[in-house]
Amino acid sequence: MIMRPGQQLLLPANPIFIWTTLVLALLTNFVQGIAFWGGGAPWQPDVLALVLVFWSVHQPRRVSVAAAFVFGLLMDVHQAGLLGEHALAYVCMCYLAITIHRRLLWFPVPMQSFQVLPLFIVAHGLSLASRLMIGGNFPGLSLLLAPALEAMLWPIVSVLLLIPQKRAPDPDVDRPL
């Protein structure tokens, strides 16, 4: 793959690190649903969706729509809601992320957040539509904040999750990093 000028060559991603970050994001979503953290307010960002999109963009062969489906089912079971609601949203979101991953990586990280915003809007829209179809209540316009917050968190998550890949493979005196 041709790289942008000035872009750093990254080390291969460790599969253990990838799956650990996904499980930690799942646990973060579990904790967000607890009452003293906001009780699953509609404006809260979906950390698992954010990390799933990140790894779908950066490692599409390791984190695919099958992983998104499994994590979506785990979220559905945890929330005791409509089975398949999050699974459908995560699968569609990761599929779209995989389709745009080559184009997305050509943009600098702050501009990538504008490119992934529609993915988060689609995911939240699908989740809302499936809830409304079975007779759920409309959560209000604060639902529009969640995709915006997820897009604003994209640069932070990108920097944090790429740190292990930016190390030198064998550090020595001439290469301190």
N, C-alpha and C. Protein backbone atom coordinates (compact mmCIF):
# COMPACT_ATOMS: atom_id res chain seq x y z
N MET A 1 0.84 -1.18 0.00
CA MET A 1 0.00 0.00 0.00
C MET A 1 0.88 1.24 0.00
N ILE A 2 0.56 2.21 -0.80
CA ILE A 2 1.30 3.45 -0.87
C ILE A 2 0.91 4.31 0.32
N MET A 3 1.92 4.87 0.99
CA MET A 3 1.66 5.65 2.20
C MET A 3 1.74 7.14 1.89
N ARG A 4 1.06 7.91 2.71
CA ARG A 4 1.15 9.37 2.62
C ARG A 4 2.55 9.81 3.00
N PRO A 5 3.03 10.94 2.44
CA PRO A 5 4.35 11.45 2.83
C PRO A 5 4.35 11.81 4.31
N GLY A 6 5.39 11.38 5.01
CA GLY A 6 5.52 11.68 6.42
C GLY A 6 4.78 10.72 7.34
N GLN A 7 4.07 9.77 6.79
CA GLN A 7 3.34 8.82 7.62
C GLN A 7 4.31 7.77 8.15
N GLN A 8 4.19 7.46 9.44
CA GLN A 8 5.10 6.52 10.07
C GLN A 8 4.70 5.08 9.73
N LEU A 9 5.69 4.25 9.47
CA LEU A 9 5.45 2.84 9.23
C LEU A 9 5.16 2.17 10.57
N LEU A 10 4.05 1.46 10.66
CA LEU A 10 3.63 0.87 11.92
C LEU A 10 4.04 -0.60 12.01
N LEU A 11 4.27 -1.04 13.23
CA LEU A 11 4.50 -2.46 13.49
C LEU A 11 3.19 -3.21 13.34
N PRO A 12 3.24 -4.52 13.15
CA PRO A 12 1.99 -5.28 13.10
C PRO A 12 1.27 -5.22 14.43
N ALA A 13 -0.05 -5.20 14.38
CA ALA A 13 -0.84 -5.14 15.60
C ALA A 13 -0.85 -6.52 16.26
N ASN A 14 -0.66 -6.52 17.55
CA ASN A 14 -0.69 -7.75 18.33
C ASN A 14 -2.15 -8.18 18.49
N PRO A 15 -2.50 -9.41 18.09
CA PRO A 15 -3.90 -9.86 18.22
C PRO A 15 -4.40 -9.85 19.66
N ILE A 16 -3.51 -10.12 20.60
CA ILE A 16 -3.93 -10.10 22.01
C ILE A 16 -4.31 -8.69 22.40
N PHE A 17 -3.56 -7.69 21.94
CA PHE A 17 -3.89 -6.30 22.23
C PHE A 17 -5.22 -5.91 21.60
N ILE A 18 -5.47 -6.34 20.37
CA ILE A 18 -6.72 -6.01 19.68
C ILE A 18 -7.90 -6.54 20.47
N TRP A 19 -7.87 -7.81 20.81
CA TRP A 19 -9.01 -8.42 21.49
C TRP A 19 -9.14 -7.93 22.93
N THR A 20 -8.02 -7.59 23.57
CA THR A 20 -8.09 -7.02 24.92
C THR A 20 -8.78 -5.66 24.89
N THR A 21 -8.45 -4.83 23.90
CA THR A 21 -9.10 -3.53 23.82
C THR A 21 -10.60 -3.67 23.53
N LEU A 22 -10.96 -4.66 22.71
CA LEU A 22 -12.38 -4.88 22.43
C LEU A 22 -13.12 -5.35 23.68
N VAL A 23 -12.52 -6.24 24.45
CA VAL A 23 -13.18 -6.70 25.68
C VAL A 23 -13.26 -5.57 26.70
N LEU A 24 -12.22 -4.75 26.81
CA LEU A 24 -12.26 -3.60 27.72
C LEU A 24 -13.33 -2.59 27.30
N ALA A 25 -13.50 -2.41 25.99
CA ALA A 25 -14.57 -1.52 25.51
C ALA A 25 -15.94 -2.10 25.83
N LEU A 26 -16.08 -3.41 25.72
CA LEU A 26 -17.34 -4.07 26.09
C LEU A 26 -17.63 -3.87 27.57
N LEU A 27 -16.61 -4.05 28.40
CA LEU A 27 -16.79 -3.85 29.85
C LEU A 27 -17.10 -2.39 30.16
N THR A 28 -16.51 -1.46 29.42
CA THR A 28 -16.83 -0.04 29.60
C THR A 28 -18.29 0.23 29.28
N ASN A 29 -18.80 -0.40 28.22
CA ASN A 29 -20.22 -0.25 27.91
C ASN A 29 -21.10 -0.85 28.99
N PHE A 30 -20.66 -1.96 29.57
CA PHE A 30 -21.42 -2.57 30.66
C PHE A 30 -21.50 -1.61 31.85
N VAL A 31 -20.37 -0.97 32.18
CA VAL A 31 -20.33 -0.05 33.32
C VAL A 31 -21.16 1.20 33.03
N GLN A 32 -21.20 1.65 31.77
CA GLN A 32 -21.99 2.83 31.43
C GLN A 32 -23.48 2.62 31.68
N GLY A 33 -23.93 1.39 31.62
CA GLY A 33 -25.34 1.10 31.84
C GLY A 33 -25.77 1.14 33.29
N ILE A 34 -24.80 1.21 34.20
CA ILE A 34 -25.13 1.23 35.63
C ILE A 34 -25.71 2.61 35.98
N ALA A 35 -26.63 2.62 36.90
CA ALA A 35 -27.42 3.82 37.20
C ALA A 35 -26.58 5.02 37.63
N PHE A 36 -25.55 4.84 38.45
CA PHE A 36 -24.81 6.01 38.93
C PHE A 36 -23.91 6.62 37.87
N TRP A 37 -23.74 5.99 36.72
CA TRP A 37 -22.96 6.56 35.62
C TRP A 37 -23.84 7.26 34.60
N GLY A 38 -25.10 7.37 34.83
CA GLY A 38 -26.00 7.99 33.87
C GLY A 38 -27.10 7.04 33.47
N GLY A 39 -26.98 5.79 33.84
CA GLY A 39 -28.05 4.83 33.62
C GLY A 39 -28.39 4.56 32.18
N GLY A 40 -27.40 4.54 31.30
CA GLY A 40 -27.68 4.26 29.89
C GLY A 40 -28.40 5.40 29.20
N ALA A 41 -28.03 6.63 29.52
CA ALA A 41 -28.64 7.80 28.89
C ALA A 41 -28.39 7.76 27.38
N PRO A 42 -29.35 8.25 26.58
CA PRO A 42 -29.19 8.16 25.13
C PRO A 42 -28.04 8.99 24.57
N TRP A 43 -27.53 9.94 25.31
CA TRP A 43 -26.44 10.78 24.80
C TRP A 43 -25.06 10.16 25.04
N GLN A 44 -24.98 9.07 25.82
CA GLN A 44 -23.68 8.48 26.12
C GLN A 44 -23.06 7.84 24.88
N PRO A 45 -21.77 8.07 24.66
CA PRO A 45 -21.12 7.45 23.49
C PRO A 45 -20.97 5.95 23.69
N ASP A 46 -21.05 5.22 22.61
CA ASP A 46 -20.90 3.77 22.61
C ASP A 46 -19.41 3.47 22.37
N VAL A 47 -18.70 3.18 23.43
CA VAL A 47 -17.25 2.97 23.35
C VAL A 47 -16.93 1.72 22.53
N LEU A 48 -17.75 0.69 22.68
CA LEU A 48 -17.52 -0.54 21.93
C LEU A 48 -17.65 -0.29 20.43
N ALA A 49 -18.63 0.50 20.03
CA ALA A 49 -18.79 0.83 18.61
C ALA A 49 -17.58 1.60 18.10
N LEU A 50 -17.08 2.49 18.90
CA LEU A 50 -15.90 3.28 18.53
C LEU A 50 -14.68 2.39 18.32
N VAL A 51 -14.44 1.47 19.23
CA VAL A 51 -13.28 0.59 19.13
C VAL A 51 -13.47 -0.43 18.00
N LEU A 52 -14.70 -0.90 17.80
CA LEU A 52 -14.97 -1.81 16.68
C LEU A 52 -14.69 -1.14 15.34
N VAL A 53 -15.11 0.10 15.19
CA VAL A 53 -14.85 0.82 13.94
C VAL A 53 -13.35 1.04 13.77
N PHE A 54 -12.66 1.39 14.85
CA PHE A 54 -11.22 1.61 14.74
C PHE A 54 -10.51 0.36 14.24
N TRP A 55 -10.79 -0.79 14.86
CA TRP A 55 -10.11 -2.01 14.45
C TRP A 55 -10.61 -2.52 13.10
N SER A 56 -11.84 -2.23 12.75
CA SER A 56 -12.33 -2.60 11.41
C SER A 56 -11.63 -1.80 10.33
N VAL A 57 -11.25 -0.58 10.65
CA VAL A 57 -10.53 0.26 9.69
C VAL A 57 -9.06 -0.14 9.63
N HIS A 58 -8.44 -0.36 10.78
CA HIS A 58 -7.00 -0.62 10.81
C HIS A 58 -6.62 -2.09 10.64
N GLN A 59 -7.49 -3.01 11.03
CA GLN A 59 -7.22 -4.44 10.91
C GLN A 59 -8.47 -5.16 10.41
N PRO A 60 -8.88 -4.92 9.16
CA PRO A 60 -10.15 -5.50 8.69
C PRO A 60 -10.15 -7.02 8.57
N ARG A 61 -8.98 -7.63 8.50
CA ARG A 61 -8.94 -9.09 8.41
C ARG A 61 -9.04 -9.76 9.76
N ARG A 62 -8.69 -9.05 10.82
CA ARG A 62 -8.75 -9.62 12.16
C ARG A 62 -10.06 -9.32 12.86
N VAL A 63 -10.58 -8.12 12.66
CA VAL A 63 -11.85 -7.74 13.29
C VAL A 63 -12.84 -7.52 12.15
N SER A 64 -13.71 -8.47 11.99
CA SER A 64 -14.65 -8.42 10.86
C SER A 64 -16.07 -8.24 11.36
N VAL A 65 -17.01 -8.39 10.47
CA VAL A 65 -18.42 -8.24 10.84
C VAL A 65 -18.85 -9.38 11.76
N ALA A 66 -18.18 -10.51 11.71
CA ALA A 66 -18.52 -11.61 12.62
C ALA A 66 -18.22 -11.22 14.07
N ALA A 67 -17.10 -10.57 14.29
CA ALA A 67 -16.79 -10.08 15.64
C ALA A 67 -17.79 -9.03 16.08
N ALA A 68 -18.17 -8.15 15.16
CA ALA A 68 -19.17 -7.13 15.47
C ALA A 68 -20.51 -7.78 15.85
N PHE A 69 -20.87 -8.85 15.15
CA PHE A 69 -22.12 -9.55 15.45
C PHE A 69 -22.09 -10.17 16.84
N VAL A 70 -20.98 -10.81 17.19
CA VAL A 70 -20.87 -11.44 18.51
C VAL A 70 -20.90 -10.39 19.62
N PHE A 71 -20.15 -9.31 19.45
CA PHE A 71 -20.15 -8.25 20.46
C PHE A 71 -21.53 -7.58 20.54
N GLY A 72 -22.21 -7.45 19.40
CA GLY A 72 -23.56 -6.90 19.42
C GLY A 72 -24.53 -7.79 20.19
N LEU A 73 -24.42 -9.10 20.00
CA LEU A 73 -25.28 -10.02 20.76
C LEU A 73 -24.98 -9.95 22.26
N LEU A 74 -23.69 -9.80 22.61
CA LEU A 74 -23.34 -9.66 24.03
C LEU A 74 -23.94 -8.39 24.62
N MET A 75 -23.92 -7.31 23.87
CA MET A 75 -24.55 -6.06 24.34
C MET A 75 -26.06 -6.22 24.48
N ASP A 76 -26.67 -6.93 23.53
CA ASP A 76 -28.12 -7.15 23.61
C ASP A 76 -28.49 -7.98 24.83
N VAL A 77 -27.72 -9.02 25.10
CA VAL A 77 -27.99 -9.86 26.26
C VAL A 77 -27.78 -9.07 27.54
N HIS A 78 -26.75 -8.25 27.58
CA HIS A 78 -26.48 -7.45 28.79
C HIS A 78 -27.61 -6.45 29.06
N GLN A 79 -28.12 -5.82 28.02
CA GLN A 79 -29.15 -4.81 28.22
C GLN A 79 -30.55 -5.40 28.31
N ALA A 80 -30.66 -6.70 28.07
CA ALA A 80 -31.95 -7.40 28.15
C ALA A 80 -32.99 -6.72 27.27
N GLY A 81 -32.58 -6.30 26.11
CA GLY A 81 -33.48 -5.64 25.17
C GLY A 81 -33.79 -6.54 24.00
N LEU A 82 -34.08 -5.93 22.91
CA LEU A 82 -34.38 -6.66 21.68
C LEU A 82 -33.13 -7.40 21.21
N LEU A 83 -33.23 -8.72 21.09
CA LEU A 83 -32.08 -9.50 20.69
C LEU A 83 -31.78 -9.25 19.21
N GLY A 84 -30.61 -8.74 18.93
CA GLY A 84 -30.19 -8.44 17.57
C GLY A 84 -30.16 -6.96 17.26
N GLU A 85 -30.61 -6.13 18.19
CA GLU A 85 -30.63 -4.68 17.96
C GLU A 85 -29.21 -4.14 17.78
N HIS A 86 -28.35 -4.38 18.76
CA HIS A 86 -26.97 -3.92 18.66
C HIS A 86 -26.20 -4.72 17.62
N ALA A 87 -26.53 -6.00 17.49
CA ALA A 87 -25.83 -6.84 16.51
C ALA A 87 -26.03 -6.28 15.10
N LEU A 88 -27.26 -5.93 14.76
CA LEU A 88 -27.53 -5.35 13.44
C LEU A 88 -26.80 -4.03 13.26
N ALA A 89 -26.85 -3.18 14.27
CA ALA A 89 -26.19 -1.87 14.18
C ALA A 89 -24.68 -2.02 14.03
N TYR A 90 -24.07 -2.90 14.84
CA TYR A 90 -22.62 -3.08 14.78
C TYR A 90 -22.18 -3.72 13.47
N VAL A 91 -22.95 -4.69 12.97
CA VAL A 91 -22.59 -5.34 11.71
C VAL A 91 -22.62 -4.35 10.56
N CYS A 92 -23.68 -3.56 10.47
CA CYS A 92 -23.78 -2.57 9.39
C CYS A 92 -22.68 -1.52 9.51
N MET A 93 -22.42 -1.09 10.74
CA MET A 93 -21.39 -0.07 10.96
C MET A 93 -20.01 -0.60 10.57
N CYS A 94 -19.69 -1.83 10.97
CA CYS A 94 -18.37 -2.40 10.65
C CYS A 94 -18.25 -2.71 9.16
N TYR A 95 -19.35 -3.13 8.54
CA TYR A 95 -19.30 -3.37 7.10
C TYR A 95 -18.98 -2.08 6.36
N LEU A 96 -19.64 -1.00 6.74
CA LEU A 96 -19.35 0.29 6.10
C LEU A 96 -17.93 0.76 6.40
N ALA A 97 -17.45 0.50 7.62
CA ALA A 97 -16.08 0.88 7.97
C ALA A 97 -15.06 0.11 7.14
N ILE A 98 -15.33 -1.17 6.91
CA ILE A 98 -14.40 -1.97 6.11
C ILE A 98 -14.42 -1.51 4.66
N THR A 99 -15.58 -1.09 4.16
CA THR A 99 -15.64 -0.65 2.77
C THR A 99 -14.90 0.67 2.54
N ILE A 100 -14.80 1.51 3.56
CA ILE A 100 -14.13 2.80 3.37
C ILE A 100 -12.74 2.84 4.00
N HIS A 101 -12.23 1.71 4.51
CA HIS A 101 -11.00 1.78 5.30
C HIS A 101 -9.79 2.24 4.50
N ARG A 102 -9.68 1.90 3.24
CA ARG A 102 -8.52 2.35 2.46
C ARG A 102 -8.55 3.86 2.22
N ARG A 103 -9.72 4.37 1.91
CA ARG A 103 -9.85 5.80 1.67
C ARG A 103 -9.70 6.58 2.96
N LEU A 104 -10.22 6.04 4.05
CA LEU A 104 -10.20 6.73 5.33
C LEU A 104 -8.77 6.94 5.84
N LEU A 105 -7.91 5.98 5.61
CA LEU A 105 -6.54 6.07 6.13
C LEU A 105 -5.69 7.11 5.40
N TRP A 106 -6.17 7.63 4.29
CA TRP A 106 -5.44 8.68 3.58
C TRP A 106 -5.64 10.05 4.23
N PHE A 107 -6.65 10.18 5.06
CA PHE A 107 -6.92 11.45 5.71
C PHE A 107 -6.15 11.54 7.02
N PRO A 108 -5.79 12.75 7.46
CA PRO A 108 -5.21 12.88 8.80
C PRO A 108 -6.28 12.54 9.85
N VAL A 109 -5.82 12.20 11.03
CA VAL A 109 -6.73 11.71 12.07
C VAL A 109 -7.86 12.69 12.40
N PRO A 110 -7.63 14.00 12.53
CA PRO A 110 -8.77 14.88 12.81
C PRO A 110 -9.83 14.87 11.69
N MET A 111 -9.40 14.74 10.45
CA MET A 111 -10.36 14.69 9.34
C MET A 111 -11.08 13.34 9.28
N GLN A 112 -10.46 12.30 9.81
CA GLN A 112 -11.10 10.99 9.85
C GLN A 112 -12.36 11.02 10.70
N SER A 113 -12.37 11.86 11.72
CA SER A 113 -13.55 11.91 12.59
C SER A 113 -14.78 12.38 11.82
N PHE A 114 -14.60 13.25 10.84
CA PHE A 114 -15.74 13.66 10.01
C PHE A 114 -16.18 12.54 9.07
N GLN A 115 -15.24 11.68 8.70
CA GLN A 115 -15.56 10.57 7.80
C GLN A 115 -16.28 9.43 8.53
N VAL A 116 -16.00 9.23 9.82
CA VAL A 116 -16.64 8.15 10.56
C VAL A 116 -17.94 8.59 11.22
N LEU A 117 -18.22 9.87 11.27
CA LEU A 117 -19.47 10.35 11.86
C LEU A 117 -20.70 9.72 11.21
N PRO A 118 -20.79 9.62 9.87
CA PRO A 118 -21.96 8.95 9.29
C PRO A 118 -22.10 7.49 9.70
N LEU A 119 -20.99 6.80 9.96
CA LEU A 119 -21.07 5.41 10.42
C LEU A 119 -21.76 5.33 11.77
N PHE A 120 -21.40 6.23 12.66
CA PHE A 120 -22.01 6.24 13.99
C PHE A 120 -23.48 6.66 13.91
N ILE A 121 -23.80 7.57 13.01
CA ILE A 121 -25.19 7.98 12.83
C ILE A 121 -26.02 6.81 12.32
N VAL A 122 -25.48 6.06 11.37
CA VAL A 122 -26.19 4.89 10.84
C VAL A 122 -26.43 3.87 11.94
N ALA A 123 -25.41 3.61 12.76
CA ALA A 123 -25.55 2.62 13.84
C ALA A 123 -26.63 3.03 14.84
N HIS A 124 -26.59 4.28 15.26
CA HIS A 124 -27.59 4.74 16.22
C HIS A 124 -28.97 4.81 15.58
N GLY A 125 -29.02 5.15 14.30
CA GLY A 125 -30.30 5.19 13.60
C GLY A 125 -30.92 3.81 13.46
N LEU A 126 -30.12 2.81 13.14
CA LEU A 126 -30.64 1.44 13.05
C LEU A 126 -31.12 0.93 14.41
N SER A 127 -30.37 1.24 15.44
CA SER A 127 -30.76 0.83 16.78
C SER A 127 -32.07 1.50 17.20
N LEU A 128 -32.19 2.79 16.89
CA LEU A 128 -33.42 3.51 17.21
C LEU A 128 -34.60 2.98 16.40
N ALA A 129 -34.39 2.72 15.13
CA ALA A 129 -35.48 2.22 14.28
C ALA A 129 -35.97 0.85 14.76
N SER A 130 -35.03 -0.02 15.15
CA SER A 130 -35.46 -1.34 15.62
C SER A 130 -36.22 -1.24 16.94
N ARG A 131 -35.83 -0.30 17.81
CA ARG A 131 -36.57 -0.10 19.06
C ARG A 131 -37.95 0.47 18.82
N LEU A 132 -38.04 1.42 17.89
CA LEU A 132 -39.33 2.04 17.61
C LEU A 132 -40.29 1.07 16.91
N MET A 133 -39.76 0.13 16.13
CA MET A 133 -40.61 -0.83 15.43
C MET A 133 -41.33 -1.78 16.38
N ILE A 134 -40.73 -2.05 17.53
CA ILE A 134 -41.39 -2.95 18.47
C ILE A 134 -42.18 -2.19 19.52
N GLY A 135 -42.31 -0.89 19.33
CA GLY A 135 -43.16 -0.10 20.22
C GLY A 135 -42.42 0.61 21.33
N GLY A 136 -41.14 0.80 21.20
CA GLY A 136 -40.38 1.52 22.21
C GLY A 136 -40.63 3.01 22.15
N ASN A 137 -40.20 3.70 23.18
CA ASN A 137 -40.36 5.15 23.25
C ASN A 137 -39.20 5.85 22.57
N PHE A 138 -39.47 7.03 22.01
CA PHE A 138 -38.41 7.84 21.42
C PHE A 138 -37.61 8.47 22.55
N PRO A 139 -36.29 8.27 22.59
CA PRO A 139 -35.49 8.76 23.72
C PRO A 139 -35.27 10.26 23.75
N GLY A 140 -35.65 10.97 22.72
CA GLY A 140 -35.46 12.41 22.69
C GLY A 140 -34.31 12.81 21.78
N LEU A 141 -34.17 14.11 21.62
CA LEU A 141 -33.13 14.62 20.71
C LEU A 141 -31.72 14.51 21.28
N SER A 142 -31.62 14.16 22.56
CA SER A 142 -30.28 13.98 23.13
C SER A 142 -29.57 12.78 22.51
N LEU A 143 -30.31 11.93 21.80
CA LEU A 143 -29.72 10.80 21.09
C LEU A 143 -28.74 11.27 20.01
N LEU A 144 -28.95 12.48 19.49
CA LEU A 144 -28.07 13.02 18.45
C LEU A 144 -26.68 13.35 18.98
N LEU A 145 -26.54 13.47 20.29
CA LEU A 145 -25.23 13.79 20.87
C LEU A 145 -24.28 12.60 20.83
N ALA A 146 -24.81 11.39 20.92
CA ALA A 146 -23.95 10.20 21.00
C ALA A 146 -23.05 10.05 19.77
N PRO A 147 -23.58 10.11 18.52
CA PRO A 147 -22.66 10.01 17.38
C PRO A 147 -21.65 11.15 17.32
N ALA A 148 -22.06 12.34 17.72
CA ALA A 148 -21.14 13.48 17.72
C ALA A 148 -20.02 13.27 18.74
N LEU A 149 -20.37 12.77 19.93
CA LEU A 149 -19.35 12.51 20.94
C LEU A 149 -18.40 11.39 20.49
N GLU A 150 -18.95 10.38 19.82
CA GLU A 150 -18.10 9.30 19.33
C GLU A 150 -17.13 9.81 18.26
N ALA A 151 -17.61 10.68 17.39
CA ALA A 151 -16.72 11.26 16.37
C ALA A 151 -15.66 12.15 17.01
N MET A 152 -16.01 12.86 18.08
CA MET A 152 -15.02 13.69 18.77
C MET A 152 -14.00 12.84 19.52
N LEU A 153 -14.38 11.64 19.95
CA LEU A 153 -13.45 10.75 20.64
C LEU A 153 -12.54 9.99 19.68
N TRP A 154 -12.87 10.02 18.38
CA TRP A 154 -12.09 9.27 17.39
C TRP A 154 -10.60 9.60 17.41
N PRO A 155 -10.18 10.89 17.42
CA PRO A 155 -8.73 11.17 17.45
C PRO A 155 -8.04 10.65 18.71
N ILE A 156 -8.72 10.73 19.85
CA ILE A 156 -8.13 10.26 21.10
C ILE A 156 -7.95 8.74 21.06
N VAL A 157 -8.98 8.04 20.62
CA VAL A 157 -8.91 6.59 20.53
C VAL A 157 -7.86 6.16 19.51
N SER A 158 -7.77 6.89 18.40
CA SER A 158 -6.77 6.56 17.37
C SER A 158 -5.35 6.67 17.92
N VAL A 159 -5.09 7.73 18.64
CA VAL A 159 -3.75 7.92 19.19
C VAL A 159 -3.45 6.84 20.24
N LEU A 160 -4.40 6.56 21.12
CA LEU A 160 -4.17 5.59 22.19
C LEU A 160 -3.99 4.17 21.66
N LEU A 161 -4.78 3.78 20.68
CA LEU A 161 -4.71 2.40 20.19
C LEU A 161 -3.56 2.17 19.21
N LEU A 162 -2.98 3.24 18.67
CA LEU A 162 -1.84 3.07 17.77
C LEU A 162 -0.49 3.19 18.49
N ILE A 163 -0.49 3.54 19.77
CA ILE A 163 0.77 3.70 20.50
C ILE A 163 1.62 2.43 20.48
N PRO A 164 1.06 1.24 20.73
CA PRO A 164 1.93 0.04 20.72
C PRO A 164 2.53 -0.27 19.35
N GLN A 165 1.93 0.21 18.29
CA GLN A 165 2.47 -0.07 16.96
C GLN A 165 3.52 0.94 16.54
N LYS A 166 3.69 2.02 17.25
CA LYS A 166 4.64 3.05 16.86
C LYS A 166 6.00 2.89 17.52
N ARG A 167 6.18 1.85 18.32
CA ARG A 167 7.50 1.60 18.93
C ARG A 167 8.47 1.05 17.89
N ALA A 168 9.72 1.25 18.12
CA ALA A 168 10.73 0.63 17.27
C ALA A 168 10.79 -0.86 17.62
N PRO A 169 11.00 -1.74 16.65
CA PRO A 169 11.01 -3.17 16.96
C PRO A 169 12.15 -3.59 17.89
N ASP A 170 13.29 -2.95 17.77
CA ASP A 170 14.41 -3.26 18.67
C ASP A 170 15.08 -1.94 19.05
N PRO A 171 14.65 -1.33 20.16
CA PRO A 171 15.23 -0.04 20.55
C PRO A 171 16.71 -0.18 20.93
N ASP A 172 17.48 0.81 20.54
CA ASP A 172 18.89 0.85 20.92
C ASP A 172 19.28 2.30 21.16
N VAL A 173 20.55 2.57 21.29
CA VAL A 173 21.04 3.91 21.61
C VAL A 173 20.71 4.88 20.48
N ASP A 174 20.79 4.45 19.23
CA ASP A 174 20.56 5.35 18.11
C ASP A 174 19.07 5.63 17.89
N ARG A 175 18.21 4.71 18.31
CA ARG A 175 16.76 4.89 18.15
C ARG A 175 16.11 4.79 19.53
N PRO A 176 15.93 5.90 20.21
CA PRO A 176 15.41 5.85 21.58
C PRO A 176 13.94 5.43 21.66
N LEU A 177 13.19 5.55 20.60
CA LEU A 177 11.77 5.19 20.69
C LEU A 177 11.57 3.76 20.46
